[in-house]
């Protein structure tokens, strides 16, 4: 993954958390929170993975 991917996932996680905080609908809030958690998990996986050597 590139730095651009990390930047995108970070941005999307933040946006989903903001969306969750703004909505009064409990179902929509839960969905936004779940999406934020998925982006967060992707970031954790990316950042925990060893760098790939380029040939």
Protein backbone atom coordinates (compact mmCIF):
# COMPACT_ATOMS: atom_id res chain seq x y z
CA UNK A 1 0.00 0.00 0.00
CA UNK A 2 1.13 3.50 -0.72
CA UNK A 3 1.20 6.57 1.47
CA UNK A 4 -1.73 7.79 -0.61
CA UNK A 5 -3.78 4.74 0.44
CA UNK A 6 -2.96 5.36 4.10
CA UNK A 7 -3.96 9.00 3.72
CA UNK A 8 -7.26 8.01 2.08
CA UNK A 9 -8.17 5.41 4.72
CA UNK A 10 -7.29 7.86 7.50
CA UNK A 11 -9.49 10.53 5.92
CA UNK A 12 -12.40 8.12 5.45
CA UNK A 13 -12.17 6.86 9.03
CA UNK A 14 -12.31 10.44 10.32
CA UNK A 15 -15.24 11.31 8.05
CA UNK A 16 -17.23 8.28 9.16
CA UNK A 17 -16.67 9.12 12.83
CA UNK A 18 -17.79 12.69 12.14
CA UNK A 19 -20.88 11.40 10.30
CA UNK A 20 -21.69 9.13 13.23
CA UNK A 21 -21.40 12.02 15.66
CA UNK A 22 -23.67 14.24 13.57
CA UNK A 23 -26.60 11.92 13.00
CA UNK A 24 -29.51 11.47 15.37
CA UNK A 25 -30.58 8.21 13.72
CA UNK A 26 -29.25 5.30 15.79
CA UNK A 27 -29.10 2.90 12.85
CA UNK A 28 -27.19 5.37 10.69
CA UNK A 29 -24.85 6.12 13.62
CA UNK A 30 -24.10 2.43 14.06
CA UNK A 31 -23.40 1.96 10.35
CA UNK A 32 -21.05 4.97 10.27
CA UNK A 33 -19.26 3.67 13.36
CA UNK A 34 -18.88 0.22 11.80
CA UNK A 35 -17.47 1.73 8.61
CA UNK A 36 -15.02 3.81 10.67
CA UNK A 37 -13.92 0.65 12.48
CA UNK A 38 -13.34 -1.11 9.16
CA UNK A 39 -11.14 1.72 7.95
CA UNK A 40 -9.32 1.66 11.27
CA UNK A 41 -8.72 -2.09 10.95
CA UNK A 42 -7.39 -1.64 7.41
CA UNK A 43 -4.96 0.97 8.67
CA UNK A 44 -3.80 -1.27 11.52
CA UNK A 45 -3.20 -4.12 9.09
CA UNK A 46 -1.32 -1.91 6.64
CA UNK A 47 0.85 -0.32 9.28
CA UNK A 48 1.60 -3.63 11.01
CA UNK A 49 2.64 -5.40 7.80
CA UNK A 50 6.34 -5.53 7.00
CA UNK A 51 7.36 -3.43 4.00
CA UNK A 52 7.38 -5.25 0.66
CA UNK A 53 10.77 -5.39 -1.00
CA UNK A 54 10.74 -4.14 -4.58
CA UNK A 55 12.69 -6.13 -7.13
